[in-house]
């Protein structure tokens, strides 16, 4: 059975797996759209830029699927996400607190 260290070694060096149970990875640096990354046994080309510290899908995930980070559920996907797809407030609902974004008038809007 592969260990956490083995799994991390099979990932792109610009990504980190925080816990072996996680189904998302974290970008260690900003990754522009069009970047190809190694996701364990597959490669994915990013369709959108991913900021440093942001999450991307470790594998294909279905709509409604729980997103796991640090070995804990952090939210549910509003729509399916392919391996390597950005996971953030545009497609993730928090399971423990409201998700907020700034609208153009700089007021908080709950999702």
PDB file of N, CA and C in Angstrom:
ATOM      1  N   UNK A   1       0.845  -1.182   0.000  1.00  0.00           N
ATOM      2  CA  UNK A   1       0.000   0.000   0.000  1.00  0.00           C
ATOM      3  C   UNK A   1       0.886   1.239   0.000  1.00  0.00           C
ATOM      4  N   UNK A   2       0.524   2.228  -0.821  1.00  0.00           N
ATOM      5  CA  UNK A   2       1.301   3.454  -0.922  1.00  0.00           C
ATOM      6  C   UNK A   2       1.155   4.275   0.357  1.00  0.00           C
ATOM      7  N   UNK A   3       2.227   4.904   0.776  1.00  0.00           N
ATOM      8  CA  UNK A   3       2.196   5.768   1.941  1.00  0.00           C
ATOM      9  C   UNK A   3       1.953   7.207   1.504  1.00  0.00           C
ATOM     10  N   UNK A   4       1.707   8.067   2.463  1.00  0.00           N
ATOM     11  CA  UNK A   4       1.517   9.492   2.185  1.00  0.00           C
ATOM     12  C   UNK A   4       2.752  10.046   1.480  1.00  0.00           C
ATOM     13  N   UNK A   5       3.940   9.653   1.923  1.00  0.00           N
ATOM     14  CA  UNK A   5       5.194  10.119   1.315  1.00  0.00           C
ATOM     15  C   UNK A   5       5.279   9.648  -0.128  1.00  0.00           C
ATOM     16  N   UNK A   6       4.923   8.377  -0.401  1.00  0.00           N
ATOM     17  CA  UNK A   6       4.925   7.861  -1.773  1.00  0.00           C
ATOM     18  C   UNK A   6       3.959   8.647  -2.647  1.00  0.00           C
ATOM     19  N   UNK A   7       2.780   8.934  -2.115  1.00  0.00           N
ATOM     20  CA  UNK A   7       1.775   9.681  -2.875  1.00  0.00           C
ATOM     21  C   UNK A   7       2.290  11.078  -3.189  1.00  0.00           C
ATOM     22  N   UNK A   8       2.840  11.769  -2.210  1.00  0.00           N
ATOM     23  CA  UNK A   8       3.364  13.118  -2.438  1.00  0.00           C
ATOM     24  C   UNK A   8       4.477  13.084  -3.481  1.00  0.00           C
ATOM     25  N   UNK A   9       5.302  12.055  -3.469  1.00  0.00           N
ATOM     26  CA  UNK A   9       6.398  11.939  -4.441  1.00  0.00           C
ATOM     27  C   UNK A   9       5.871  11.779  -5.865  1.00  0.00           C
ATOM     28  N   UNK A  10       4.650  11.253  -6.020  1.00  0.00           N
ATOM     29  CA  UNK A  10       4.090  11.055  -7.351  1.00  0.00           C
ATOM     30  C   UNK A  10       3.289  12.266  -7.846  1.00  0.00           C
ATOM     31  N   UNK A  11       3.270  13.334  -7.052  1.00  0.00           N
ATOM     32  CA  UNK A  11       2.561  14.559  -7.419  1.00  0.00           C
ATOM     33  C   UNK A  11       3.535  15.590  -7.961  1.00  0.00           C
ATOM     34  N   UNK A  12       3.009  16.500  -8.743  1.00  0.00           N
ATOM     35  CA  UNK A  12       3.765  17.652  -9.199  1.00  0.00           C
ATOM     36  C   UNK A  12       4.339  18.369  -7.973  1.00  0.00           C
ATOM     37  N   UNK A  13       5.580  18.813  -8.040  1.00  0.00           N
ATOM     38  CA  UNK A  13       6.240  19.465  -6.907  1.00  0.00           C
ATOM     39  C   UNK A  13       5.566  20.781  -6.520  1.00  0.00           C
ATOM     40  N   UNK A  14       4.724  21.337  -7.397  1.00  0.00           N
ATOM     41  CA  UNK A  14       4.023  22.594  -7.104  1.00  0.00           C
ATOM     42  C   UNK A  14       2.719  22.365  -6.359  1.00  0.00           C
ATOM     43  N   UNK A  15       2.417  21.095  -6.038  1.00  0.00           N
ATOM     44  CA  UNK A  15       1.184  20.737  -5.339  1.00  0.00           C
ATOM     45  C   UNK A  15       1.516  19.997  -4.065  1.00  0.00           C
ATOM     46  N   UNK A  16       0.658  20.124  -3.067  1.00  0.00           N
ATOM     47  CA  UNK A  16       0.864  19.387  -1.824  1.00  0.00           C
ATOM     48  C   UNK A  16      -0.440  18.689  -1.419  1.00  0.00           C
ATOM     49  N   UNK A  17      -0.282  17.477  -0.946  1.00  0.00           N
ATOM     50  CA  UNK A  17      -1.377  16.695  -0.372  1.00  0.00           C
ATOM     51  C   UNK A  17      -1.234  16.820   1.138  1.00  0.00           C
ATOM     52  N   UNK A  18      -2.206  17.460   1.785  1.00  0.00           N
ATOM     53  CA  UNK A  18      -2.098  17.723   3.217  1.00  0.00           C
ATOM     54  C   UNK A  18      -2.375  16.498   4.067  1.00  0.00           C
ATOM     55  N   UNK A  19      -3.245  15.607   3.603  1.00  0.00           N
ATOM     56  CA  UNK A  19      -3.594  14.394   4.337  1.00  0.00           C
ATOM     57  C   UNK A  19      -3.929  13.304   3.323  1.00  0.00           C
ATOM     58  N   UNK A  20      -3.592  12.061   3.597  1.00  0.00           N
ATOM     59  CA  UNK A  20      -3.858  10.998   2.620  1.00  0.00           C
ATOM     60  C   UNK A  20      -5.338  10.831   2.270  1.00  0.00           C
ATOM     61  N   UNK A  21      -6.251  11.262   3.151  1.00  0.00           N
ATOM     62  CA  UNK A  21      -7.685  11.134   2.897  1.00  0.00           C
ATOM     63  C   UNK A  21      -8.216  12.226   1.979  1.00  0.00           C
ATOM     64  N   UNK A  22      -7.437  13.280   1.748  1.00  0.00           N
ATOM     65  CA  UNK A  22      -7.912  14.432   0.993  1.00  0.00           C
ATOM     66  C   UNK A  22      -8.219  14.085  -0.456  1.00  0.00           C
ATOM     67  N   UNK A  23      -9.276  14.707  -0.982  1.00  0.00           N
ATOM     68  CA  UNK A  23      -9.572  14.567  -2.404  1.00  0.00           C
ATOM     69  C   UNK A  23      -9.288  15.870  -3.144  1.00  0.00           C
ATOM     70  N   UNK A  24      -8.580  16.777  -2.468  1.00  0.00           N
ATOM     71  CA  UNK A  24      -8.101  17.997  -3.110  1.00  0.00           C
ATOM     72  C   UNK A  24      -6.621  18.170  -2.787  1.00  0.00           C
ATOM     73  N   UNK A  25      -5.965  18.949  -3.626  1.00  0.00           N
ATOM     74  CA  UNK A  25      -4.553  19.276  -3.462  1.00  0.00           C
ATOM     75  C   UNK A  25      -4.454  20.784  -3.326  1.00  0.00           C
ATOM     76  N   UNK A  26      -3.328  21.272  -2.792  1.00  0.00           N
ATOM     77  CA  UNK A  26      -3.142  22.705  -2.605  1.00  0.00           C
ATOM     78  C   UNK A  26      -1.962  23.166  -3.454  1.00  0.00           C
ATOM     79  N   UNK A  27      -2.154  24.271  -4.174  1.00  0.00           N
ATOM     80  CA  UNK A  27      -1.093  24.838  -5.006  1.00  0.00           C
ATOM     81  C   UNK A  27      -0.091  25.575  -4.118  1.00  0.00           C
ATOM     82  N   UNK A  28       1.196  25.252  -4.277  1.00  0.00           N
ATOM     83  CA  UNK A  28       2.264  25.887  -3.500  1.00  0.00           C
ATOM     84  C   UNK A  28       2.731  27.183  -4.137  1.00  0.00           C
ATOM     85  N   UNK A  29       2.302  27.427  -5.361  1.00  0.00           N
ATOM     86  CA  UNK A  29       2.621  28.662  -6.079  1.00  0.00           C
ATOM     87  C   UNK A  29       1.480  28.935  -7.042  1.00  0.00           C
ATOM     88  N   UNK A  30       1.447  30.138  -7.581  1.00  0.00           N
ATOM     89  CA  UNK A  30       0.423  30.464  -8.573  1.00  0.00           C
ATOM     90  C   UNK A  30       0.669  29.630  -9.823  1.00  0.00           C
ATOM     91  N   UNK A  31      -0.392  29.059 -10.363  1.00  0.00           N
ATOM     92  CA  UNK A  31      -0.299  28.216 -11.557  1.00  0.00           C
ATOM     93  C   UNK A  31      -1.173  28.831 -12.651  1.00  0.00           C
ATOM     94  N   UNK A  32      -0.569  29.301 -13.742  1.00  0.00           N
ATOM     95  CA  UNK A  32      -1.374  29.911 -14.809  1.00  0.00           C
ATOM     96  C   UNK A  32      -2.216  28.892 -15.560  1.00  0.00           C
ATOM     97  N   UNK A  33      -3.297  29.363 -16.165  1.00  0.00           N
ATOM     98  CA  UNK A  33      -4.102  28.507 -17.043  1.00  0.00           C
ATOM     99  C   UNK A  33      -3.183  27.955 -18.124  1.00  0.00           C
ATOM    100  N   UNK A  34      -3.416  26.706 -18.496  1.00  0.00           N
ATOM    101  CA  UNK A  34      -2.593  26.051 -19.505  1.00  0.00           C
ATOM    102  C   UNK A  34      -1.438  25.249 -18.933  1.00  0.00           C
ATOM    103  N   UNK A  35      -1.165  25.410 -17.632  1.00  0.00           N
ATOM    104  CA  UNK A  35      -0.109  24.634 -16.967  1.00  0.00           C
ATOM    105  C   UNK A  35      -0.538  23.176 -16.873  1.00  0.00           C
ATOM    106  N   UNK A  36       0.376  22.267 -17.155  1.00  0.00           N
ATOM    107  CA  UNK A  36       0.111  20.837 -16.985  1.00  0.00           C
ATOM    108  C   UNK A  36       0.758  20.389 -15.680  1.00  0.00           C
ATOM    109  N   UNK A  37      -0.015  19.681 -14.853  1.00  0.00           N
ATOM    110  CA  UNK A  37       0.467  19.198 -13.556  1.00  0.00           C
ATOM    111  C   UNK A  37       0.302  17.681 -13.472  1.00  0.00           C
ATOM    112  N   UNK A  38       1.177  17.054 -12.703  1.00  0.00           N
ATOM    113  CA  UNK A  38       1.118  15.615 -12.456  1.00  0.00           C
ATOM    114  C   UNK A  38       0.250  15.371 -11.230  1.00  0.00           C
ATOM    115  N   UNK A  39      -0.810  14.575 -11.396  1.00  0.00           N
ATOM    116  CA  UNK A  39      -1.722  14.214 -10.308  1.00  0.00           C
ATOM    117  C   UNK A  39      -1.616  12.717 -10.092  1.00  0.00           C
ATOM    118  N   UNK A  40      -0.640  12.310  -9.314  1.00  0.00           N
ATOM    119  CA  UNK A  40      -0.380  10.891  -9.073  1.00  0.00           C
ATOM    120  C   UNK A  40      -0.195  10.167 -10.401  1.00  0.00           C
ATOM    121  N   UNK A  41      -1.173   9.358 -10.833  1.00  0.00           N
ATOM    122  CA  UNK A  41      -0.980   8.546 -12.030  1.00  0.00           C
ATOM    123  C   UNK A  41      -1.555   9.169 -13.299  1.00  0.00           C
ATOM    124  N   UNK A  42      -1.913  10.450 -13.253  1.00  0.00           N
ATOM    125  CA  UNK A  42      -2.457  11.120 -14.431  1.00  0.00           C
ATOM    126  C   UNK A  42      -1.929  12.548 -14.496  1.00  0.00           C
ATOM    127  N   UNK A  43      -2.070  13.160 -15.653  1.00  0.00           N
ATOM    128  CA  UNK A  43      -1.685  14.554 -15.836  1.00  0.00           C
ATOM    129  C   UNK A  43      -2.941  15.353 -16.180  1.00  0.00           C
ATOM    130  N   UNK A  44      -2.966  16.607 -15.761  1.00  0.00           N
ATOM    131  CA  UNK A  44      -4.093  17.489 -16.058  1.00  0.00           C
ATOM    132  C   UNK A  44      -3.556  18.834 -16.509  1.00  0.00           C
ATOM    133  N   UNK A  45      -4.212  19.407 -17.500  1.00  0.00           N
ATOM    134  CA  UNK A  45      -3.893  20.758 -17.948  1.00  0.00           C
ATOM    135  C   UNK A  45      -4.942  21.691 -17.363  1.00  0.00           C
ATOM    136  N   UNK A  46      -4.485  22.700 -16.655  1.00  0.00           N
ATOM    137  CA  UNK A  46      -5.376  23.616 -15.951  1.00  0.00           C
ATOM    138  C   UNK A  46      -6.103  24.523 -16.931  1.00  0.00           C
ATOM    139  N   UNK A  47      -7.422  24.567 -16.813  1.00  0.00           N
ATOM    140  CA  UNK A  47      -8.227  25.412 -17.700  1.00  0.00           C
ATOM    141  C   UNK A  47      -8.340  26.833 -17.162  1.00  0.00           C
ATOM    142  N   UNK A  48      -8.068  27.018 -15.877  1.00  0.00           N
ATOM    143  CA  UNK A  48      -8.112  28.338 -15.244  1.00  0.00           C
ATOM    144  C   UNK A  48      -6.872  28.487 -14.360  1.00  0.00           C
ATOM    145  N   UNK A  49      -6.460  29.717 -14.147  1.00  0.00           N
ATOM    146  CA  UNK A  49      -5.353  29.986 -13.227  1.00  0.00           C
ATOM    147  C   UNK A  49      -5.756  29.568 -11.816  1.00  0.00           C
ATOM    148  N   UNK A  50      -4.796  29.057 -11.075  1.00  0.00           N
ATOM    149  CA  UNK A  50      -5.028  28.664  -9.681  1.00  0.00           C
ATOM    150  C   UNK A  50      -4.033  29.430  -8.817  1.00  0.00           C
ATOM    151  N   UNK A  51      -4.551  30.186  -7.870  1.00  0.00           N
ATOM    152  CA  UNK A  51      -3.699  30.991  -6.998  1.00  0.00           C
ATOM    153  C   UNK A  51      -2.979  30.153  -5.957  1.00  0.00           C
ATOM    154  N   UNK A  52      -1.876  30.676  -5.478  1.00  0.00           N
ATOM    155  CA  UNK A  52      -1.123  30.008  -4.422  1.00  0.00           C
ATOM    156  C   UNK A  52      -2.043  29.798  -3.219  1.00  0.00           C
ATOM    157  N   UNK A  53      -2.038  28.583  -2.681  1.00  0.00           N
ATOM    158  CA  UNK A  53      -2.862  28.249  -1.527  1.00  0.00           C
ATOM    159  C   UNK A  53      -4.262  27.788  -1.882  1.00  0.00           C
ATOM    160  N   UNK A  54      -4.617  27.864  -3.168  1.00  0.00           N
ATOM    161  CA  UNK A  54      -5.951  27.423  -3.588  1.00  0.00           C
ATOM    162  C   UNK A  54      -5.962  25.920  -3.836  1.00  0.00           C
ATOM    163  N   UNK A  55      -7.173  25.370  -3.835  1.00  0.00           N
ATOM    164  CA  UNK A  55      -7.364  23.928  -3.985  1.00  0.00           C
ATOM    165  C   UNK A  55      -7.664  23.545  -5.426  1.00  0.00           C
ATOM    166  N   UNK A  56      -7.275  22.328  -5.774  1.00  0.00           N
ATOM    167  CA  UNK A  56      -7.704  21.733  -7.033  1.00  0.00           C
ATOM    168  C   UNK A  56      -8.058  20.279  -6.775  1.00  0.00           C
ATOM    169  N   UNK A  57      -8.928  19.760  -7.625  1.00  0.00           N
ATOM    170  CA  UNK A  57      -9.414  18.390  -7.451  1.00  0.00           C
ATOM    171  C   UNK A  57      -8.281  17.390  -7.670  1.00  0.00           C
ATOM    172  N   UNK A  58      -8.112  16.478  -6.745  1.00  0.00           N
ATOM    173  CA  UNK A  58      -7.106  15.418  -6.838  1.00  0.00           C
ATOM    174  C   UNK A  58      -7.505  14.376  -7.878  1.00  0.00           C
ATOM    175  N   UNK A  59      -8.811  14.196  -8.036  1.00  0.00           N
ATOM    176  CA  UNK A  59      -9.405  13.265  -9.003  1.00  0.00           C
ATOM    177  C   UNK A  59     -10.738  13.862  -9.420  1.00  0.00           C
ATOM    178  N   UNK A  60     -11.416  13.267 -10.371  1.00  0.00           N
ATOM    179  CA  UNK A  60     -12.743  13.752 -10.743  1.00  0.00           C
ATOM    180  C   UNK A  60     -13.694  13.590  -9.565  1.00  0.00           C
ATOM    181  N   UNK A  61     -14.473  14.635  -9.303  1.00  0.00           N
ATOM    182  CA  UNK A  61     -15.407  14.649  -8.176  1.00  0.00           C
ATOM    183  C   UNK A  61     -16.800  14.986  -8.700  1.00  0.00           C
ATOM    184  N   UNK A  62     -17.811  14.368  -8.136  1.00  0.00           N
ATOM    185  CA  UNK A  62     -19.183  14.582  -8.579  1.00  0.00           C
ATOM    186  C   UNK A  62     -19.864  15.736  -7.875  1.00  0.00           C
ATOM    187  N   UNK A  63     -20.905  16.258  -8.512  1.00  0.00           N
ATOM    188  CA  UNK A  63     -21.723  17.301  -7.892  1.00  0.00           C
ATOM    189  C   UNK A  63     -22.268  16.781  -6.569  1.00  0.00           C
ATOM    190  N   UNK A  64     -22.196  17.598  -5.536  1.00  0.00           N
ATOM    191  CA  UNK A  64     -22.673  17.206  -4.214  1.00  0.00           C
ATOM    192  C   UNK A  64     -21.651  16.453  -3.392  1.00  0.00           C
ATOM    193  N   UNK A  65     -20.545  16.046  -4.010  1.00  0.00           N
ATOM    194  CA  UNK A  65     -19.517  15.285  -3.280  1.00  0.00           C
ATOM    195  C   UNK A  65     -18.854  16.179  -2.240  1.00  0.00           C
ATOM    196  N   UNK A  66     -18.541  15.593  -1.105  1.00  0.00           N
ATOM    197  CA  UNK A  66     -17.857  16.298  -0.028  1.00  0.00           C
ATOM    198  C   UNK A  66     -16.395  16.507  -0.414  1.00  0.00           C
ATOM    199  N   UNK A  67     -15.888  17.711  -0.166  1.00  0.00           N
ATOM    200  CA  UNK A  67     -14.477  18.018  -0.398  1.00  0.00           C
ATOM    201  C   UNK A  67     -13.758  17.839   0.927  1.00  0.00           C
ATOM    202  N   UNK A  68     -12.678  17.088   0.887  1.00  0.00           N
ATOM    203  CA  UNK A  68     -11.920  16.751   2.097  1.00  0.00           C
ATOM    204  C   UNK A  68     -10.544  17.405   2.010  1.00  0.00           C
ATOM    205  N   UNK A  69     -10.216  18.204   3.037  1.00  0.00           N
ATOM    206  CA  UNK A  69      -8.921  18.889   3.154  1.00  0.00           C
ATOM    207  C   UNK A  69      -8.482  18.749   4.601  1.00  0.00           C
ATOM    208  N   UNK A  70      -7.212  18.486   4.842  1.00  0.00           N
ATOM    209  CA  UNK A  70      -6.697  18.211   6.193  1.00  0.00           C
ATOM    210  C   UNK A  70      -7.371  16.981   6.805  1.00  0.00           C
ATOM    211  N   UNK A  71      -7.901  16.089   5.956  1.00  0.00           N
ATOM    212  CA  UNK A  71      -8.577  14.898   6.442  1.00  0.00           C
ATOM    213  C   UNK A  71      -9.975  15.156   6.971  1.00  0.00           C
ATOM    214  N   UNK A  72     -10.505  16.375   6.751  1.00  0.00           N
ATOM    215  CA  UNK A  72     -11.837  16.737   7.254  1.00  0.00           C
ATOM    216  C   UNK A  72     -12.678  17.315   6.117  1.00  0.00           C
ATOM    217  N   UNK A  73     -13.976  17.110   6.204  1.00  0.00           N
ATOM    218  CA  UNK A  73     -14.892  17.682   5.216  1.00  0.00           C
ATOM    219  C   UNK A  73     -14.912  19.197   5.390  1.00  0.00           C
ATOM    220  N   UNK A  74     -14.689  19.923   4.282  1.00  0.00           N
ATOM    221  CA  UNK A  74     -14.740  21.386   4.342  1.00  0.00           C
ATOM    222  C   UNK A  74     -15.935  21.949   3.584  1.00  0.00           C
ATOM    223  N   UNK A  75     -16.577  21.128   2.752  1.00  0.00           N
ATOM    224  CA  UNK A  75     -17.718  21.610   2.001  1.00  0.00           C
ATOM    225  C   UNK A  75     -18.194  20.601   0.985  1.00  0.00           C
ATOM    226  N   UNK A  76     -19.178  21.029   0.186  1.00  0.00           N
ATOM    227  CA  UNK A  76     -19.774  20.188  -0.849  1.00  0.00           C
ATOM    228  C   UNK A  76     -19.705  20.915  -2.183  1.00  0.00           C
ATOM    229  N   UNK A  77     -19.402  20.164  -3.233  1.00  0.00           N
ATOM    230  CA  UNK A  77     -19.333  20.754  -4.567  1.00  0.00           C
ATOM    231  C   UNK A  77     -20.719  21.052  -5.109  1.00  0.00           C
ATOM    232  N   UNK A  78     -20.888  22.225  -5.691  1.00  0.00           N
ATOM    233  CA  UNK A  78     -22.145  22.586  -6.340  1.00  0.00           C
ATOM    234  C   UNK A  78     -22.291  21.897  -7.686  1.00  0.00           C
ATOM    235  N   UNK A  79     -21.161  21.594  -8.318  1.00  0.00           N
ATOM    236  CA  UNK A  79     -21.162  20.951  -9.636  1.00  0.00           C
ATOM    237  C   UNK A  79     -19.938  20.031  -9.705  1.00  0.00           C
ATOM    238  N   UNK A  80     -19.936  19.143 -10.666  1.00  0.00           N
ATOM    239  CA  UNK A  80     -18.813  18.216 -10.827  1.00  0.00           C
ATOM    240  C   UNK A  80     -17.529  18.991 -11.111  1.00  0.00           C
ATOM    241  N   UNK A  81     -16.398  18.413 -10.697  1.00  0.00           N
ATOM    242  CA  UNK A  81     -15.077  18.996 -10.948  1.00  0.00           C
ATOM    243  C   UNK A  81     -14.169  17.890 -11.488  1.00  0.00           C
ATOM    244  N   UNK A  82     -13.534  18.164 -12.601  1.00  0.00           N
ATOM    245  CA  UNK A  82     -12.598  17.207 -13.182  1.00  0.00           C
ATOM    246  C   UNK A  82     -11.273  17.250 -12.419  1.00  0.00           C
ATOM    247  N   UNK A  83     -10.470  16.217 -12.536  1.00  0.00           N
ATOM    248  CA  UNK A  83      -9.143  16.194 -11.911  1.00  0.00           C
ATOM    249  C   UNK A  83      -8.368  17.433 -12.360  1.00  0.00           C
ATOM    250  N   UNK A  84      -7.810  18.159 -11.405  1.00  0.00           N
ATOM    251  CA  UNK A  84      -7.048  19.365 -11.696  1.00  0.00           C
ATOM    252  C   UNK A  84      -7.868  20.635 -11.746  1.00  0.00           C
ATOM    253  N   UNK A  85      -9.190  20.525 -11.598  1.00  0.00           N
ATOM    254  CA  UNK A  85     -10.042  21.716 -11.665  1.00  0.00           C
ATOM    255  C   UNK A  85      -9.986  22.503 -10.353  1.00  0.00           C
ATOM    256  N   UNK A  86     -10.022  23.818 -10.474  1.00  0.00           N
ATOM    257  CA  UNK A  86      -9.999  24.727  -9.327  1.00  0.00           C
ATOM    258  C   UNK A  86     -11.223  24.491  -8.448  1.00  0.00           C
ATOM    259  N   UNK A  87     -11.011  24.382  -7.147  1.00  0.00           N
ATOM    260  CA  UNK A  87     -12.102  24.270  -6.172  1.00  0.00           C
ATOM    261  C   UNK A  87     -11.999  25.491  -5.271  1.00  0.00           C
ATOM    262  N   UNK A  88     -13.057  26.307  -5.290  1.00  0.00           N
ATOM    263  CA  UNK A  88     -13.053  27.534  -4.491  1.00  0.00           C
ATOM    264  C   UNK A  88     -14.511  27.973  -4.302  1.00  0.00           C
ATOM    265  N   UNK A  89     -14.728  29.194  -3.892  1.00  0.00           N
ATOM    266  CA  UNK A  89     -16.079  29.651  -3.564  1.00  0.00           C
ATOM    267  C   UNK A  89     -17.032  29.643  -4.754  1.00  0.00           C
ATOM    268  N   UNK A  90     -16.530  29.593  -5.977  1.00  0.00           N
ATOM    269  CA  UNK A  90     -17.408  29.568  -7.155  1.00  0.00           C
ATOM    270  C   UNK A  90     -18.086  28.219  -7.350  1.00  0.00           C
ATOM    271  N   UNK A  91     -17.542  27.157  -6.762  1.00  0.00           N
ATOM    272  CA  UNK A  91     -18.138  25.833  -6.954  1.00  0.00           C
ATOM    273  C   UNK A  91     -18.197  25.003  -5.678  1.00  0.00           C
ATOM    274  N   UNK A  92     -17.931  25.606  -4.526  1.00  0.00           N
ATOM    275  CA  UNK A  92     -17.896  24.896  -3.249  1.00  0.00           C
ATOM    276  C   UNK A  92     -18.747  25.629  -2.226  1.00  0.00           C
ATOM    277  N   UNK A  93     -19.661  24.899  -1.606  1.00  0.00           N
ATOM    278  CA  UNK A  93     -20.441  25.430  -0.486  1.00  0.00           C
ATOM    279  C   UNK A  93     -19.843  24.898   0.804  1.00  0.00           C
ATOM    280  N   UNK A  94     -19.590  25.796   1.738  1.00  0.00           N
ATOM    281  CA  UNK A  94     -19.072  25.392   3.035  1.00  0.00           C
ATOM    282  C   UNK A  94     -20.124  24.584   3.775  1.00  0.00           C
ATOM    283  N   UNK A  95     -19.702  23.536   4.458  1.00  0.00           N
ATOM    284  CA  UNK A  95     -20.620  22.743   5.266  1.00  0.00           C
ATOM    285  C   UNK A  95     -20.666  23.223   6.722  1.00  0.00           C
ATOM    286  N   UNK A  96     -19.858  24.217   7.063  1.00  0.00           N
ATOM    287  CA  UNK A  96     -19.818  24.627   8.461  1.00  0.00           C
ATOM    288  C   UNK A  96     -19.965  26.128   8.670  1.00  0.00           C
ATOM    289  N   UNK A  97     -19.880  26.924   7.619  1.00  0.00           N
ATOM    290  CA  UNK A  97     -20.051  28.360   7.753  1.00  0.00           C
ATOM    291  C   UNK A  97     -20.488  28.919   6.411  1.00  0.00           C
ATOM    292  N   UNK A  98     -21.204  30.033   6.390  1.00  0.00           N
ATOM    293  CA  UNK A  98     -21.591  30.615   5.097  1.00  0.00           C
ATOM    294  C   UNK A  98     -20.355  30.960   4.263  1.00  0.00           C
ATOM    295  N   UNK A  99     -20.496  30.844   2.953  1.00  0.00           N
ATOM    296  CA  UNK A  99     -19.428  31.229   2.039  1.00  0.00           C
ATOM    297  C   UNK A  99     -19.741  32.628   1.543  1.00  0.00           C
ATOM    298  N   UNK A 100     -18.777  33.502   1.602  1.00  0.00           N
ATOM    299  CA  UNK A 100     -18.991  34.885   1.220  1.00  0.00           C
ATOM    300  C   UNK A 100     -18.043  35.297   0.112  1.00  0.00           C
ATOM    301  N   UNK A 101     -18.503  36.184  -0.747  1.00  0.00           N
ATOM    302  CA  UNK A 101     -17.673  36.798  -1.774  1.00  0.00           C
ATOM    303  C   UNK A 101     -17.980  38.288  -1.766  1.00  0.00           C
ATOM    304  N   UNK A 102     -17.095  39.079  -2.335  1.00  0.00           N
ATOM    305  CA  UNK A 102     -17.345  40.505  -2.466  1.00  0.00           C
ATOM    306  C   UNK A 102     -18.032  40.763  -3.794  1.00  0.00           C
ATOM    307  N   UNK A 103     -19.131  41.503  -3.766  1.00  0.00           N
ATOM    308  CA  UNK A 103     -19.726  41.902  -5.034  1.00  0.00           C
ATOM    309  C   UNK A 103     -18.983  43.150  -5.510  1.00  0.00           C
ATOM    310  N   UNK A 104     -19.354  43.694  -6.647  1.00  0.00           N
ATOM    311  CA  UNK A 104     -18.636  44.833  -7.202  1.00  0.00           C
ATOM    312  C   UNK A 104     -18.701  46.069  -6.318  1.00  0.00           C
ATOM    313  N   UNK A 105     -19.718  46.169  -5.484  1.00  0.00           N
ATOM    314  CA  UNK A 105     -19.834  47.304  -4.571  1.00  0.00           C
ATOM    315  C   UNK A 105     -19.088  47.086  -3.268  1.00  0.00           C
ATOM    316  N   UNK A 106     -18.331  45.999  -3.179  1.00  0.00           N
ATOM    317  CA  UNK A 106     -17.519  45.653  -2.020  1.00  0.00           C
ATOM    318  C   UNK A 106     -18.349  45.367  -0.774  1.00  0.00           C
ATOM    319  N   UNK A 107     -19.511  44.771  -0.984  1.00  0.00           N
ATOM    320  CA  UNK A 107     -20.302  44.291   0.143  1.00  0.00           C
ATOM    321  C   UNK A 107     -20.282  42.776   0.100  1.00  0.00           C
ATOM    322  N   UNK A 108     -20.417  42.157   1.242  1.00  0.00           N
ATOM    323  CA  UNK A 108     -20.399  40.712   1.310  1.00  0.00           C
ATOM    324  C   UNK A 108     -21.729  40.131   0.861  1.00  0.00           C
ATOM    325  N   UNK A 109     -21.665  39.077   0.087  1.00  0.00           N
ATOM    326  CA  UNK A 109     -22.852  38.388  -0.411  1.00  0.00           C
ATOM    327  C   UNK A 109     -22.735  36.928   0.007  1.00  0.00           C
ATOM    328  N   UNK A 110     -23.700  36.412   0.766  1.00  0.00           N
ATOM    329  CA  UNK A 110     -23.675  35.012   1.205  1.00  0.00           C
ATOM    330  C   UNK A 110     -24.159  34.090   0.114  1.00  0.00           C
ATOM    331  N   UNK A 111     -23.534  32.916   0.014  1.00  0.00           N
ATOM    332  CA  UNK A 111     -23.953  31.889  -0.963  1.00  0.00           C
ATOM    333  C   UNK A 111     -24.593  30.743  -0.254  1.00  0.00           C
TER     334      UNK A 111
END
